[in-house]
C-alpha atoms as a PDB file:
ATOM      1  CA  MET A   1      24.676   7.445  75.906  1.00  0.00           C
ATOM      2  CA  GLN A   2      28.077   5.802  75.949  1.00  0.00           C
ATOM      3  CA  ALA A   3      27.879   5.213  72.197  1.00  0.00           C
ATOM      4  CA  THR A   4      26.979   8.873  71.660  1.00  0.00           C
ATOM      5  CA  ASN A   5      29.945   9.995  73.795  1.00  0.00           C
ATOM      6  CA  TRP A   6      32.205   7.650  71.853  1.00  0.00           C
ATOM      7  CA  PHE A   7      30.907   9.040  68.543  1.00  0.00           C
ATOM      8  CA  LEU A   8      31.383  12.654  69.624  1.00  0.00           C
ATOM      9  CA  ALA A   9      34.860  11.857  70.962  1.00  0.00           C
ATOM     10  CA  GLY A  10      35.885  10.892  67.430  1.00  0.00           C
ATOM     11  CA  GLY A  11      35.689  14.469  66.258  1.00  0.00           C
ATOM     12  CA  ILE A  12      34.207  16.068  63.165  1.00  0.00           C
ATOM     13  CA  VAL A  13      35.232  13.310  60.749  1.00  0.00           C
ATOM     14  CA  MET A  14      32.797  10.949  62.453  1.00  0.00           C
ATOM     15  CA  PHE A  15      29.893  12.662  60.728  1.00  0.00           C
ATOM     16  CA  PRO A  16      30.986  11.889  57.160  1.00  0.00           C
ATOM     17  CA  LEU A  17      32.029   8.415  58.329  1.00  0.00           C
ATOM     18  CA  LEU A  18      28.556   7.952  59.754  1.00  0.00           C
ATOM     19  CA  GLY A  19      27.090   9.019  56.389  1.00  0.00           C
ATOM     20  CA  PHE A  20      29.356   6.553  54.542  1.00  0.00           C
ATOM     21  CA  SER A  21      28.365   3.745  56.898  1.00  0.00           C
ATOM     22  CA  ILE A  22      24.641   4.376  56.486  1.00  0.00           C
ATOM     23  CA  LEU A  23      25.028   4.581  52.679  1.00  0.00           C
ATOM     24  CA  ALA A  24      27.085   1.380  52.629  1.00  0.00           C
ATOM     25  CA  VAL A  25      24.569  -0.530  54.731  1.00  0.00           C
ATOM     26  CA  ALA A  26      21.681   0.573  52.515  1.00  0.00           C
ATOM     27  CA  LEU A  27      23.470  -0.366  49.275  1.00  0.00           C
ATOM     28  CA  ILE A  28      24.720  -3.681  50.726  1.00  0.00           C
ATOM     29  CA  PHE A  29      21.145  -4.548  51.738  1.00  0.00           C
ATOM     30  CA  GLU A  30      19.918  -3.867  48.224  1.00  0.00           C
ATOM     31  CA  ARG A  31      22.668  -5.926  46.618  1.00  0.00           C
ATOM     32  CA  VAL A  32      22.126  -8.838  49.017  1.00  0.00           C
ATOM     33  CA  LEU A  33      18.427  -8.972  48.117  1.00  0.00           C
ATOM     34  CA  PHE A  34      19.334  -8.812  44.434  1.00  0.00           C
ATOM     35  CA  TRP A  35      21.918 -11.558  44.481  1.00  0.00           C
ATOM     36  CA  VAL A  36      19.876 -13.839  46.705  1.00  0.00           C
ATOM     37  CA  LYS A  37      17.005 -13.629  44.228  1.00  0.00           C
ATOM     38  CA  VAL A  38      19.322 -14.228  41.214  1.00  0.00           C
ATOM     39  CA  THR A  39      21.318 -17.105  42.627  1.00  0.00           C
ATOM     40  CA  LYS A  40      18.253 -18.824  44.109  1.00  0.00           C
ATOM     41  CA  ARG A  41      16.306 -19.057  40.870  1.00  0.00           C
ATOM     42  CA  HIS A  42      18.870 -18.625  38.062  1.00  0.00           C
ATOM     43  CA  ASP A  43      20.186 -22.111  37.404  1.00  0.00           C
ATOM     44  CA  ARG A  44      16.925 -23.990  37.819  1.00  0.00           C
ATOM     45  CA  MET A  45      15.001 -21.567  35.570  1.00  0.00           C
ATOM     46  CA  ILE A  46      17.529 -21.635  32.761  1.00  0.00           C
ATOM     47  CA  ARG A  47      17.819 -25.400  32.734  1.00  0.00           C
ATOM     48  CA  GLU A  48      14.041 -25.651  32.467  1.00  0.00           C
ATOM     49  CA  VAL A  49      14.006 -23.116  29.619  1.00  0.00           C
ATOM     50  CA  LEU A  50      16.681 -24.979  27.690  1.00  0.00           C
ATOM     51  CA  MET A  51      14.759 -28.218  28.061  1.00  0.00           C
ATOM     52  CA  LEU A  52      11.584 -26.515  26.901  1.00  0.00           C
ATOM     53  CA  TYR A  53      13.338 -24.984  23.910  1.00  0.00           C
ATOM     54  CA  LYS A  54      14.344 -28.384  22.587  1.00  0.00           C
ATOM     55  CA  ARG A  55      10.612 -29.278  22.395  1.00  0.00           C
ATOM     56  CA  SER A  56       8.979 -25.897  21.790  1.00  0.00           C
ATOM     57  CA  PRO A  57      10.692 -22.513  21.386  1.00  0.00           C
ATOM     58  CA  ARG A  58       7.361 -20.853  22.057  1.00  0.00           C
ATOM     59  CA  ALA A  59       7.016 -22.570  25.427  1.00  0.00           C
ATOM     60  CA  ALA A  60      10.554 -21.554  26.335  1.00  0.00           C
ATOM     61  CA  PHE A  61       9.777 -17.949  25.367  1.00  0.00           C
ATOM     62  CA  LEU A  62       6.665 -17.911  27.557  1.00  0.00           C
ATOM     63  CA  ALA A  63       8.649 -19.341  30.486  1.00  0.00           C
ATOM     64  CA  LEU A  64      11.245 -16.592  30.075  1.00  0.00           C
ATOM     65  CA  GLU A  65       8.576 -13.910  30.028  1.00  0.00           C
ATOM     66  CA  GLN A  66       7.431 -15.106  33.453  1.00  0.00           C
ATOM     67  CA  ASN A  67      10.919 -14.488  34.853  1.00  0.00           C
ATOM     68  CA  THR A  68      11.879 -11.147  33.320  1.00  0.00           C
ATOM     69  CA  ASP A  69      13.043  -9.935  36.744  1.00  0.00           C
ATOM     70  CA  LEU A  70      16.182 -12.063  36.217  1.00  0.00           C
ATOM     71  CA  PRO A  71      18.923 -10.632  34.001  1.00  0.00           C
ATOM     72  CA  ILE A  72      19.547 -13.827  31.998  1.00  0.00           C
ATOM     73  CA  ALA A  73      15.834 -14.176  31.286  1.00  0.00           C
ATOM     74  CA  ARG A  74      15.794 -10.657  29.763  1.00  0.00           C
ATOM     75  CA  ILE A  75      18.902 -11.533  27.703  1.00  0.00           C
ATOM     76  CA  PHE A  76      17.372 -14.679  26.261  1.00  0.00           C
ATOM     77  CA  THR A  77      14.009 -13.003  25.674  1.00  0.00           C
ATOM     78  CA  ALA A  78      15.648 -10.219  23.682  1.00  0.00           C
ATOM     79  CA  ALA A  79      17.336 -12.760  21.407  1.00  0.00           C
ATOM     80  CA  LEU A  80      14.283 -15.042  20.997  1.00  0.00           C
ATOM     81  CA  GLU A  81      12.075 -12.089  20.077  1.00  0.00           C
ATOM     82  CA  LEU A  82      13.939 -11.821  16.738  1.00  0.00           C
ATOM     83  CA  GLU A  83      11.880 -13.593  14.074  1.00  0.00           C
ATOM     84  CA  GLY A  84      13.718 -15.425  11.359  1.00  0.00           C
ATOM     85  CA  ALA A  85      17.124 -14.280  12.604  1.00  0.00           C
ATOM     86  CA  THR A  86      20.259 -15.961  11.280  1.00  0.00           C
ATOM     87  CA  PRO A  87      22.543 -17.643  13.819  1.00  0.00           C
ATOM     88  CA  GLU A  88      24.924 -14.720  13.548  1.00  0.00           C
ATOM     89  CA  GLU A  89      22.157 -12.244  14.237  1.00  0.00           C
ATOM     90  CA  PHE A  90      20.932 -14.371  17.145  1.00  0.00           C
ATOM     91  CA  ARG A  91      24.458 -14.386  18.618  1.00  0.00           C
ATOM     92  CA  LEU A  92      24.755 -10.584  18.220  1.00  0.00           C
ATOM     93  CA  ALA A  93      21.391 -10.149  19.940  1.00  0.00           C
ATOM     94  CA  LEU A  94      22.566 -12.263  22.864  1.00  0.00           C
ATOM     95  CA  GLU A  95      25.802 -10.302  23.180  1.00  0.00           C
ATOM     96  CA  SER A  96      24.059  -6.871  22.928  1.00  0.00           C
ATOM     97  CA  ALA A  97      21.499  -7.868  25.577  1.00  0.00           C
ATOM     98  CA  SER A  98      24.266  -9.185  27.807  1.00  0.00           C
ATOM     99  CA  GLN A  99      26.124  -5.878  27.575  1.00  0.00           C
ATOM    100  CA  ALA A 100      22.944  -4.011  28.501  1.00  0.00           C
ATOM    101  CA  GLU A 101      22.658  -6.060  31.694  1.00  0.00           C
ATOM    102  CA  ILE A 102      26.209  -5.443  32.893  1.00  0.00           C
ATOM    103  CA  PRO A 103      25.463  -2.063  34.575  1.00  0.00           C
ATOM    104  CA  LEU A 104      22.751  -3.717  36.675  1.00  0.00           C
ATOM    105  CA  LEU A 105      25.029  -6.555  37.691  1.00  0.00           C
ATOM    106  CA  LYS A 106      27.836  -4.123  38.612  1.00  0.00           C
ATOM    107  CA  ARG A 107      25.513  -1.641  40.274  1.00  0.00           C
ATOM    108  CA  PHE A 108      27.020   0.428  43.127  1.00  0.00           C
ATOM    109  CA  ASN A 109      30.524  -1.016  42.609  1.00  0.00           C
ATOM    110  CA  ASN A 110      31.991   2.472  42.074  1.00  0.00           C
ATOM    111  CA  ILE A 111      30.304   3.745  45.231  1.00  0.00           C
ATOM    112  CA  PHE A 112      31.693   0.842  47.231  1.00  0.00           C
ATOM    113  CA  ASP A 113      35.139   1.514  45.861  1.00  0.00           C
ATOM    114  CA  THR A 114      34.811   5.202  46.802  1.00  0.00           C
ATOM    115  CA  ILE A 115      33.788   4.386  50.360  1.00  0.00           C
ATOM    116  CA  VAL A 116      36.636   1.873  50.707  1.00  0.00           C
ATOM    117  CA  SER A 117      39.135   4.498  49.528  1.00  0.00           C
ATOM    118  CA  LEU A 118      37.820   7.517  51.433  1.00  0.00           C
ATOM    119  CA  ALA A 119      36.934   6.002  54.783  1.00  0.00           C
ATOM    120  CA  PRO A 120      40.536   5.280  55.834  1.00  0.00           C
ATOM    121  CA  LEU A 121      41.575   8.707  54.580  1.00  0.00           C
ATOM    122  CA  LEU A 122      38.922  10.351  56.736  1.00  0.00           C
ATOM    123  CA  GLY A 123      40.128   8.271  59.652  1.00  0.00           C
ATOM    124  CA  LEU A 124      43.673   9.464  58.990  1.00  0.00           C
ATOM    125  CA  LEU A 125      42.381  13.058  58.839  1.00  0.00           C
ATOM    126  CA  GLY A 126      40.762  12.534  62.204  1.00  0.00           C
ATOM    127  CA  THR A 127      44.072  11.231  63.523  1.00  0.00           C
ATOM    128  CA  VAL A 128      45.900  14.327  62.346  1.00  0.00           C
ATOM    129  CA  LEU A 129      43.243  16.659  63.804  1.00  0.00           C
ATOM    130  CA  GLY A 130      43.309  14.773  67.084  1.00  0.00           C
ATOM    131  CA  LEU A 131      47.083  15.021  67.358  1.00  0.00           C
ATOM    132  CA  ILE A 132      46.964  18.697  66.516  1.00  0.00           C
ATOM    133  CA  ASN A 133      44.419  19.168  69.275  1.00  0.00           C
ATOM    134  CA  SER A 134      46.613  17.236  71.687  1.00  0.00           C
ATOM    135  CA  PHE A 135      49.729  19.220  70.910  1.00  0.00           C
ATOM    136  CA  ALA A 136      47.808  22.490  71.066  1.00  0.00           C
ATOM    137  CA  ASN A 137      46.760  21.714  74.621  1.00  0.00           C
ATOM    138  CA  LEU A 138      50.069  20.254  75.733  1.00  0.00           C
ATOM    139  CA  GLN A 139      51.997  22.520  78.078  1.00  0.00           C
ATOM    140  CA  LEU A 140      55.302  21.122  79.306  1.00  0.00           C
ATOM    141  CA  GLY A 141      55.070  23.054  82.572  1.00  0.00           C
ATOM    142  CA  ASN A 142      51.563  21.878  83.328  1.00  0.00           C
ATOM    143  CA  ILE A 143      51.723  18.125  82.675  1.00  0.00           C
ATOM    144  CA  GLY A 144      49.634  17.234  85.673  1.00  0.00           C
ATOM    145  CA  GLY A 145      47.220  20.158  85.418  1.00  0.00           C
ATOM    146  CA  THR A 146      43.771  20.575  83.996  1.00  0.00           C
ATOM    147  CA  ASP A 147      44.952  20.648  80.389  1.00  0.00           C
ATOM    148  CA  THR A 148      45.830  16.948  80.597  1.00  0.00           C
ATOM    149  CA  ALA A 149      42.208  16.090  79.902  1.00  0.00           C
ATOM    150  CA  ASN A 150      42.299  18.034  76.649  1.00  0.00           C
ATOM    151  CA  VAL A 151      45.497  16.217  75.642  1.00  0.00           C
ATOM    152  CA  THR A 152      43.976  12.786  76.270  1.00  0.00           C
ATOM    153  CA  GLY A 153      40.826  13.919  74.523  1.00  0.00           C
ATOM    154  CA  GLY A 154      42.831  14.723  71.404  1.00  0.00           C
ATOM    155  CA  ILE A 155      44.492  11.322  71.530  1.00  0.00           C
ATOM    156  CA  SER A 156      41.086   9.653  71.905  1.00  0.00           C
ATOM    157  CA  GLU A 157      39.841  11.571  68.899  1.00  0.00           C
ATOM    158  CA  ALA A 158      42.794  10.367  66.887  1.00  0.00           C
ATOM    159  CA  LEU A 159      42.354   6.723  67.800  1.00  0.00           C
ATOM    160  CA  ILE A 160      38.571   6.588  67.519  1.00  0.00           C
ATOM    161  CA  SER A 161      38.437   8.229  64.124  1.00  0.00           C
ATOM    162  CA  THR A 162      41.198   5.970  62.783  1.00  0.00           C
ATOM    163  CA  ALA A 163      39.448   2.826  64.028  1.00  0.00           C
ATOM    164  CA  SER A 164      36.072   3.970  62.714  1.00  0.00           C
ATOM    165  CA  GLY A 165      37.466   4.682  59.243  1.00  0.00           C
ATOM    166  CA  LEU A 166      39.106   1.262  59.091  1.00  0.00           C
ATOM    167  CA  VAL A 167      35.966  -0.526  60.262  1.00  0.00           C
ATOM    168  CA  VAL A 168      33.805   1.201  57.627  1.00  0.00           C
ATOM    169  CA  ALA A 169      36.352   0.450  54.901  1.00  0.00           C
ATOM    170  CA  ILE A 170      36.925  -3.187  55.893  1.00  0.00           C
ATOM    171  CA  VAL A 171      33.223  -4.101  56.125  1.00  0.00           C
ATOM    172  CA  THR A 172      32.444  -2.368  52.846  1.00  0.00           C
ATOM    173  CA  LEU A 173      35.443  -4.083  51.155  1.00  0.00           C
ATOM    174  CA  VAL A 174      34.321  -7.546  52.271  1.00  0.00           C
ATOM    175  CA  PHE A 175      30.872  -7.114  50.773  1.00  0.00           C
ATOM    176  CA  SER A 176      32.201  -5.316  47.712  1.00  0.00           C
ATOM    177  CA  ASN A 177      34.520  -8.189  46.854  1.00  0.00           C
ATOM    178  CA  THR A 178      31.738 -10.691  47.503  1.00  0.00           C
ATOM    179  CA  PHE A 179      29.420  -8.866  45.055  1.00  0.00           C
ATOM    180  CA  ARG A 180      32.267  -8.635  42.538  1.00  0.00           C
ATOM    181  CA  GLY A 181      32.775 -12.398  42.746  1.00  0.00           C
ATOM    182  CA  LEU A 182      29.059 -12.981  42.233  1.00  0.00           C
ATOM    183  CA  TYR A 183      29.126 -10.679  39.202  1.00  0.00           C
ATOM    184  CA  ILE A 184      32.030 -12.596  37.650  1.00  0.00           C
ATOM    185  CA  ARG A 185      30.257 -15.900  38.255  1.00  0.00           C
ATOM    186  CA  GLN A 186      27.044 -14.547  36.764  1.00  0.00           C
ATOM    187  CA  ILE A 187      28.817 -13.356  33.624  1.00  0.00           C
ATOM    188  CA  ALA A 188      30.375 -16.793  33.232  1.00  0.00           C
ATOM    189  CA  LEU A 189      26.995 -18.495  33.572  1.00  0.00           C
ATOM    190  CA  ILE A 190      25.422 -16.099  31.071  1.00  0.00           C
ATOM    191  CA  GLN A 191      28.145 -16.945  28.599  1.00  0.00           C
ATOM    192  CA  GLU A 192      27.806 -20.721  29.262  1.00  0.00           C
ATOM    193  CA  TYR A 193      24.006 -20.897  29.001  1.00  0.00           C
ATOM    194  CA  GLY A 194      23.995 -18.353  26.154  1.00  0.00           C
ATOM    195  CA  GLY A 195      26.310 -20.637  24.218  1.00  0.00           C
ATOM    196  CA  GLN A 196      23.990 -23.584  24.872  1.00  0.00           C
ATOM    197  CA  LEU A 197      20.985 -21.620  23.647  1.00  0.00           C
ATOM    198  CA  GLU A 198      22.847 -20.447  20.568  1.00  0.00           C
ATOM    199  CA  LEU A 199      23.837 -24.041  19.746  1.00  0.00           C
ATOM    200  CA  LEU A 200      20.215 -25.159  20.032  1.00  0.00           C
ATOM    201  CA  TYR A 201      19.136 -22.259  17.850  1.00  0.00           C
ATOM    202  CA  ARG A 202      21.708 -23.116  15.191  1.00  0.00           C
ATOM    203  CA  ARG A 203      20.563 -26.740  15.071  1.00  0.00           C
ATOM    204  CA  ARG A 204      16.917 -25.695  14.764  1.00  0.00           C
ATOM    205  CA  HIS A 205      17.770 -23.075  12.133  1.00  0.00           C
ATOM    206  CA  GLU A 206      19.667 -25.615  10.011  1.00  0.00           C
ATOM    207  CA  LYS A 207      16.680 -27.925  10.005  1.00  0.00           C
END
């Protein structure tokens, strides 16, 4: 009940802030599951595939097909599916497949940025509305009267909405930056391992 009273005391802007917070939690949960899966299996799987490719490209391809839920496995599979490709064509296939995976790796980043930007502004709007409410109920000749409760209620609305907007923005920003860092690291690994696979392909093609 106290939480409900606290929520209602924040004024009308608490409802969009609540929507933003629910949306942010849902998207953060999805991204956490995604990145845990990728980071847990990525390095080990690719190292095994590269070792297999040195002995048998077919075995490496089959191993990749068993891990197509990982972005880098789909990238390598798309390149290895080309039959008789020149090294240049193989490199282009790797680059094209990598570009196709970028939207998945950066998924929801724009939504996170929007929440981070709008949540403090909604909190500021709540501050303004709360202060307007306070001044509207403030009567200089009745400082100790019944209208004092309305004045303090307006101040509470201003403070609660501001704090809520900042909390939503800060929490979302922390996770957004974390996911952005994981994305940058993933792109670097894709480039690194893609270069190693391309080198192995060139050597095999020259033979």
